[in-house]
Amino acid sequence: MTTKQYDGDNILKDGEVLNVPMLLMDHAPPQIERHAPGALIVGDADRDERERTIESRKQQLSEAWRSPVTQQADLPTEPSADVDAAYEAREQRLVNAWKGGA
């Protein structure tokens, strides 16, 4: 394949190639200080606090099933008239939705 060199008129014509130099780096020079994953130094106190927090969470999760279940006896057994009216209004909205009304 033969290519023509870009002639500098701000328009690439068929077959012309524009090469743009680009600087890429795999890593930052060592004199640049930055945070990298795993580079954070953690002290013993931080490690101990983290361990206590994790153990507390594990304990909480492992005993969660022992909590009393919320009784559903407080819930009404029959739907109220308001619920029935809201359901009927919803049904009417769905039935008439194709007409473009609100």
C-alpha atoms as a PDB file:
ATOM      1  CA  MET A   1       0.000   0.000   0.000  1.00  0.00           C
ATOM      2  CA  THR A   2       1.411   3.347  -0.990  1.00  0.00           C
ATOM      3  CA  THR A   3       0.689   6.390   1.158  1.00  0.00           C
ATOM      4  CA  LYS A   4       1.179  10.053   0.459  1.00  0.00           C
ATOM      5  CA  GLN A   5       2.662  12.367   3.026  1.00  0.00           C
ATOM      6  CA  TYR A   6       0.372  14.999   4.580  1.00  0.00           C
ATOM      7  CA  ASP A   7       0.809  18.264   2.680  1.00  0.00           C
ATOM      8  CA  GLY A   8      -0.141  20.592   5.577  1.00  0.00           C
ATOM      9  CA  ASP A   9      -3.335  22.123   4.175  1.00  0.00           C
ATOM     10  CA  ASN A  10      -5.435  21.030   7.227  1.00  0.00           C
ATOM     11  CA  ILE A  11      -7.349  18.497   5.131  1.00  0.00           C
ATOM     12  CA  LEU A  12      -6.319  14.874   4.700  1.00  0.00           C
ATOM     13  CA  LYS A  13      -6.999  13.630   1.215  1.00  0.00           C
ATOM     14  CA  ASP A  14      -7.474   9.986   0.237  1.00  0.00           C
ATOM     15  CA  GLY A  15      -4.292   8.052   0.883  1.00  0.00           C
ATOM     16  CA  GLU A  16      -2.610  10.753   2.984  1.00  0.00           C
ATOM     17  CA  VAL A  17      -1.293   9.827   6.429  1.00  0.00           C
ATOM     18  CA  LEU A  18      -0.878  12.128   9.415  1.00  0.00           C
ATOM     19  CA  ASN A  19       1.658  10.955  11.990  1.00  0.00           C
ATOM     20  CA  VAL A  20       1.513  12.611  15.402  1.00  0.00           C
ATOM     21  CA  PRO A  21       4.333  12.012  17.894  1.00  0.00           C
ATOM     22  CA  MET A  22       3.104  10.975  21.336  1.00  0.00           C
ATOM     23  CA  LEU A  23       5.046  10.480  24.567  1.00  0.00           C
ATOM     24  CA  LEU A  24       3.957   7.438  26.582  1.00  0.00           C
ATOM     25  CA  MET A  25       5.253   6.357  29.971  1.00  0.00           C
ATOM     26  CA  ASP A  26       4.782   2.998  31.667  1.00  0.00           C
ATOM     27  CA  HIS A  27       5.300   4.501  35.108  1.00  0.00           C
ATOM     28  CA  ALA A  28       6.079   7.768  36.808  1.00  0.00           C
ATOM     29  CA  PRO A  29       9.705   8.632  37.507  1.00  0.00           C
ATOM     30  CA  PRO A  30      10.797   7.576  41.025  1.00  0.00           C
ATOM     31  CA  GLN A  31      11.120  11.191  42.221  1.00  0.00           C
ATOM     32  CA  ILE A  32       7.345  11.710  41.923  1.00  0.00           C
ATOM     33  CA  GLU A  33       5.579  10.721  45.145  1.00  0.00           C
ATOM     34  CA  ARG A  34       2.078   9.418  44.648  1.00  0.00           C
ATOM     35  CA  HIS A  35      -0.330   6.976  46.179  1.00  0.00           C
ATOM     36  CA  ALA A  36      -0.432   3.552  44.617  1.00  0.00           C
ATOM     37  CA  PRO A  37      -2.560   0.587  45.731  1.00  0.00           C
ATOM     38  CA  GLY A  38      -0.761  -1.304  48.443  1.00  0.00           C
ATOM     39  CA  ALA A  39       1.664   1.509  49.164  1.00  0.00           C
ATOM     40  CA  LEU A  40      -0.136   2.759  52.286  1.00  0.00           C
ATOM     41  CA  ILE A  41       1.716   2.048  55.525  1.00  0.00           C
ATOM     42  CA  VAL A  42      -0.640   0.959  58.302  1.00  0.00           C
ATOM     43  CA  GLY A  43       0.368   0.937  61.950  1.00  0.00           C
ATOM     44  CA  ASP A  44      -0.435  -1.712  64.555  1.00  0.00           C
ATOM     45  CA  ALA A  45      -3.187   0.408  66.139  1.00  0.00           C
ATOM     46  CA  ASP A  46      -4.926   0.759  62.767  1.00  0.00           C
ATOM     47  CA  ARG A  47      -4.613  -2.950  62.119  1.00  0.00           C
ATOM     48  CA  ASP A  48      -6.058  -3.789  65.546  1.00  0.00           C
ATOM     49  CA  GLU A  49      -8.980  -1.377  65.082  1.00  0.00           C
ATOM     50  CA  ARG A  50      -9.693  -2.845  61.656  1.00  0.00           C
ATOM     51  CA  GLU A  51      -9.625  -6.372  63.049  1.00  0.00           C
ATOM     52  CA  ARG A  52     -11.994  -5.418  65.906  1.00  0.00           C
ATOM     53  CA  THR A  53     -14.377  -3.791  63.433  1.00  0.00           C
ATOM     54  CA  ILE A  54     -14.390  -6.856  61.164  1.00  0.00           C
ATOM     55  CA  GLU A  55     -14.915  -9.247  64.076  1.00  0.00           C
ATOM     56  CA  SER A  56     -17.738  -7.096  65.456  1.00  0.00           C
ATOM     57  CA  ARG A  57     -19.466  -7.122  62.071  1.00  0.00           C
ATOM     58  CA  LYS A  58     -19.051 -10.896  61.723  1.00  0.00           C
ATOM     59  CA  GLN A  59     -20.518 -11.414  65.198  1.00  0.00           C
ATOM     60  CA  GLN A  60     -23.440  -9.119  64.412  1.00  0.00           C
ATOM     61  CA  LEU A  61     -24.197 -10.965  61.166  1.00  0.00           C
ATOM     62  CA  SER A  62     -23.872 -14.429  62.686  1.00  0.00           C
ATOM     63  CA  GLU A  63     -26.344 -13.598  65.474  1.00  0.00           C
ATOM     64  CA  ALA A  64     -28.835 -11.631  63.384  1.00  0.00           C
ATOM     65  CA  TRP A  65     -31.114 -14.639  62.951  1.00  0.00           C
ATOM     66  CA  ARG A  66     -31.644 -14.807  66.722  1.00  0.00           C
ATOM     67  CA  SER A  67     -33.431 -11.443  66.825  1.00  0.00           C
ATOM     68  CA  PRO A  68     -37.187 -11.681  67.335  1.00  0.00           C
ATOM     69  CA  VAL A  69     -39.112 -11.573  64.093  1.00  0.00           C
ATOM     70  CA  THR A  70     -41.437  -8.617  63.673  1.00  0.00           C
ATOM     71  CA  GLN A  71     -44.934  -9.816  64.343  1.00  0.00           C
ATOM     72  CA  GLN A  72     -47.303  -9.365  61.433  1.00  0.00           C
ATOM     73  CA  ALA A  73     -50.343  -9.415  63.744  1.00  0.00           C
ATOM     74  CA  ASP A  74     -50.233  -5.615  63.748  1.00  0.00           C
ATOM     75  CA  LEU A  75     -50.988  -5.526  60.033  1.00  0.00           C
ATOM     76  CA  PRO A  76     -54.637  -5.208  58.977  1.00  0.00           C
ATOM     77  CA  THR A  77     -56.088  -8.407  57.591  1.00  0.00           C
ATOM     78  CA  GLU A  78     -58.643  -6.699  55.346  1.00  0.00           C
ATOM     79  CA  PRO A  79     -57.706  -3.967  52.895  1.00  0.00           C
ATOM     80  CA  SER A  80     -59.201  -0.623  53.712  1.00  0.00           C
ATOM     81  CA  ALA A  81     -61.574   1.253  51.428  1.00  0.00           C
ATOM     82  CA  ASP A  82     -58.764   3.679  50.603  1.00  0.00           C
ATOM     83  CA  VAL A  83     -56.651   0.848  49.215  1.00  0.00           C
ATOM     84  CA  ASP A  84     -59.563  -0.399  47.148  1.00  0.00           C
ATOM     85  CA  ALA A  85     -60.218   3.106  45.812  1.00  0.00           C
ATOM     86  CA  ALA A  86     -56.522   3.570  44.971  1.00  0.00           C
ATOM     87  CA  TYR A  87     -56.463   0.218  43.174  1.00  0.00           C
ATOM     88  CA  GLU A  88     -59.574   1.129  41.174  1.00  0.00           C
ATOM     89  CA  ALA A  89     -58.076   4.510  40.208  1.00  0.00           C
ATOM     90  CA  ARG A  90     -54.910   2.747  39.054  1.00  0.00           C
ATOM     91  CA  GLU A  91     -56.922   0.317  36.985  1.00  0.00           C
ATOM     92  CA  GLN A  92     -58.801   3.176  35.309  1.00  0.00           C
ATOM     93  CA  ARG A  93     -55.532   4.956  34.552  1.00  0.00           C
ATOM     94  CA  LEU A  94     -54.144   1.815  32.924  1.00  0.00           C
ATOM     95  CA  VAL A  95     -57.312   1.158  30.937  1.00  0.00           C
ATOM     96  CA  ASN A  96     -57.341   4.714  29.575  1.00  0.00           C
ATOM     97  CA  ALA A  97     -53.580   5.131  29.148  1.00  0.00           C
ATOM     98  CA  TRP A  98     -53.720   4.460  25.416  1.00  0.00           C
ATOM     99  CA  LYS A  99     -55.997   7.464  24.955  1.00  0.00           C
ATOM    100  CA  GLY A 100     -53.151   9.794  25.971  1.00  0.00           C
ATOM    101  CA  GLY A 101     -54.975  11.182  28.999  1.00  0.00           C
ATOM    102  CA  ALA A 102     -53.310  11.756  32.343  1.00  0.00           C
END
